[in-house]
Amino acid sequence: MEHHKQKVPVWFWMIAVVFLLWNFMGVLSFFAHTFISEEALAKLPQAERELYGDYPLWTTIIFAIAVFGGFIGSIGLVLRKKWAKSAFILSLCAIIPQMIHNVFFTKSMEVYGPGQAATMPIMVVVFGVLIIGFAHFSIQKKWLK
């Protein structure tokens, strides 16, 4: 029985690296938000400082699940592993309640305005859905094993 190695197109690698960088930025955002220093917090406008007090512990936990799930999934994508899709699904399952909370249960709309407060959450959800679709497509093409 002869085994053929599945050739992965260059654009797969380009997309995989873009998603890896996107999710790495999510990890950086998590650390910047979660471990913001008192000095940095003091430099923010009063309304933004108050937003930091609007986040209950559960949102920090799902924020971690979202970003680390996405980052681990992106590593899996670069390593061409099928389990990347499961990591992305887990990430999206955490993204959705986090973004709903951020947009509708904090004062972010008042602080940043509807455009700015909703743009990033929408982008994060759309990227989450796209990356799951890309992983699924890659599994069907047998690029992930």
Protein backbone atom coordinates (compact mmCIF):
# COMPACT_ATOMS: atom_id res chain seq x y z
CA MET A 1 0.00 0.00 0.00
CA GLU A 2 1.43 3.32 -1.05
CA HIS A 3 1.08 6.42 1.15
CA HIS A 4 0.86 9.81 -0.50
CA LYS A 5 1.77 12.85 1.48
CA GLN A 6 -0.94 15.50 1.10
CA LYS A 7 0.53 18.69 -0.38
CA VAL A 8 -0.62 21.75 1.53
CA PRO A 9 -0.90 24.96 -0.50
CA VAL A 10 1.16 28.01 0.44
CA TRP A 11 -2.02 29.99 1.17
CA PHE A 12 -2.89 27.49 3.93
CA TRP A 13 0.35 28.42 5.71
CA MET A 14 -0.28 32.12 5.19
CA ILE A 15 -3.76 31.87 6.71
CA ALA A 16 -2.50 29.64 9.55
CA VAL A 17 0.20 32.19 10.42
CA VAL A 18 -2.32 35.08 10.31
CA PHE A 19 -4.58 33.19 12.73
CA LEU A 20 -1.60 32.35 14.94
CA LEU A 21 -0.63 36.04 15.10
CA TRP A 22 -4.27 37.07 15.71
CA ASN A 23 -4.58 34.64 18.61
CA PHE A 24 -1.18 35.64 20.00
CA MET A 25 -2.46 39.23 20.07
CA GLY A 26 -5.45 37.90 22.02
CA VAL A 27 -3.11 36.34 24.58
CA LEU A 28 -1.22 39.65 24.88
CA SER A 29 -4.52 41.48 25.31
CA PHE A 30 -5.54 39.05 28.05
CA PHE A 31 -2.34 39.67 30.00
CA ALA A 32 -2.52 43.44 29.46
CA HIS A 33 -6.12 43.55 30.65
CA THR A 34 -5.87 41.05 33.48
CA PHE A 35 -2.57 42.19 34.95
CA ILE A 36 -2.80 45.93 34.34
CA SER A 37 -0.65 47.77 36.86
CA GLU A 38 -2.08 50.32 39.27
CA GLU A 39 0.04 52.98 37.56
CA ALA A 40 -1.32 52.13 34.11
CA LEU A 41 -4.87 51.96 35.45
CA ALA A 42 -4.46 55.37 37.08
CA LYS A 43 -3.48 56.89 33.71
CA LEU A 44 -6.77 55.84 32.10
CA PRO A 45 -9.76 58.19 32.02
CA GLN A 46 -12.15 57.72 34.94
CA ALA A 47 -14.82 56.05 32.78
CA GLU A 48 -12.35 53.43 31.50
CA ARG A 49 -11.06 52.76 35.03
CA GLU A 50 -14.65 52.08 36.10
CA LEU A 51 -15.03 49.55 33.28
CA TYR A 52 -12.27 47.46 34.85
CA GLY A 53 -14.46 47.17 37.95
CA ASP A 54 -17.40 45.94 35.83
CA TYR A 55 -15.79 42.59 35.00
CA PRO A 56 -16.72 39.72 37.32
CA LEU A 57 -14.27 36.83 37.79
CA TRP A 58 -16.17 34.52 35.43
CA THR A 59 -15.48 36.89 32.52
CA THR A 60 -11.75 36.71 33.20
CA ILE A 61 -11.96 32.91 33.25
CA ILE A 62 -13.80 32.71 29.92
CA PHE A 63 -11.48 35.37 28.48
CA ALA A 64 -8.59 33.02 29.33
CA ILE A 65 -10.39 30.02 27.81
CA ALA A 66 -11.16 32.05 24.67
CA VAL A 67 -7.65 33.34 24.03
CA PHE A 68 -5.66 30.30 25.11
CA GLY A 69 -8.06 27.95 23.32
CA GLY A 70 -7.62 30.00 20.15
CA PHE A 71 -3.85 30.20 20.55
CA ILE A 72 -3.48 26.48 21.21
CA GLY A 73 -5.79 25.80 18.26
CA SER A 74 -3.61 28.01 16.06
CA ILE A 75 -0.53 26.08 17.12
CA GLY A 76 -2.42 22.90 16.24
CA LEU A 77 -3.30 24.38 12.86
CA VAL A 78 0.36 25.18 12.14
CA LEU A 79 1.26 21.63 13.26
CA ARG A 80 -1.55 20.34 10.99
CA LYS A 81 -3.46 18.61 13.79
CA LYS A 82 -7.20 17.83 13.62
CA TRP A 83 -7.67 18.70 17.28
CA ALA A 84 -7.13 22.34 16.33
CA LYS A 85 -10.81 22.49 15.33
CA SER A 86 -11.91 21.33 18.81
CA ALA A 87 -9.72 24.00 20.42
CA PHE A 88 -11.28 26.65 18.17
CA ILE A 89 -14.79 25.47 19.05
CA LEU A 90 -13.95 25.66 22.76
CA SER A 91 -12.55 29.15 22.19
CA LEU A 92 -15.69 30.33 20.38
CA CYS A 93 -17.89 28.88 23.14
CA ALA A 94 -16.03 31.19 25.54
CA ILE A 95 -15.85 34.16 23.16
CA ILE A 96 -19.61 34.47 22.72
CA PRO A 97 -20.63 34.97 26.38
CA GLN A 98 -17.58 37.15 26.96
CA MET A 99 -18.47 39.47 24.10
CA ILE A 100 -22.16 39.54 25.05
CA HIS A 101 -21.14 40.59 28.55
CA ASN A 102 -18.68 43.20 27.30
CA VAL A 103 -21.15 44.84 24.94
CA PHE A 104 -24.46 44.52 26.78
CA PHE A 105 -23.67 44.20 30.49
CA THR A 106 -20.97 46.81 30.96
CA LYS A 107 -20.91 50.52 30.21
CA SER A 108 -18.60 50.05 27.23
CA MET A 109 -21.19 51.53 24.85
CA GLU A 110 -21.33 54.69 26.97
CA VAL A 111 -17.56 54.87 27.42
CA TYR A 112 -16.43 54.10 23.86
CA GLY A 113 -19.57 54.67 21.81
CA PRO A 114 -21.47 51.99 19.88
CA GLY A 115 -19.04 51.81 16.95
CA GLN A 116 -15.89 51.29 18.95
CA ALA A 117 -17.53 49.17 21.67
CA ALA A 118 -19.07 46.74 19.16
CA THR A 119 -16.42 46.59 16.42
CA MET A 120 -13.84 44.44 18.20
CA PRO A 121 -16.38 42.00 19.70
CA ILE A 122 -17.94 41.50 16.27
CA MET A 123 -14.50 40.97 14.70
CA VAL A 124 -13.53 38.46 17.39
CA VAL A 125 -16.73 36.43 16.88
CA VAL A 126 -16.39 36.54 13.08
CA PHE A 127 -12.74 35.43 13.26
CA GLY A 128 -13.77 32.66 15.67
CA VAL A 129 -16.35 31.35 13.22
CA LEU A 130 -13.99 31.72 10.24
CA ILE A 131 -11.17 29.84 11.91
CA ILE A 132 -13.49 26.93 12.77
CA GLY A 133 -14.62 26.87 9.14
CA PHE A 134 -11.03 26.97 7.94
CA ALA A 135 -10.05 24.10 10.25
CA HIS A 136 -13.07 22.08 9.09
CA PHE A 137 -12.18 22.75 5.44
CA SER A 138 -8.57 21.76 6.12
CA ILE A 139 -9.70 18.49 7.72
CA GLN A 140 -11.87 17.71 4.68
CA LYS A 141 -8.89 18.38 2.41
CA LYS A 142 -6.86 16.05 4.65
CA TRP A 143 -4.36 18.81 5.42
CA LEU A 144 -4.93 18.22 9.14
CA LYS A 145 -4.30 14.77 10.60
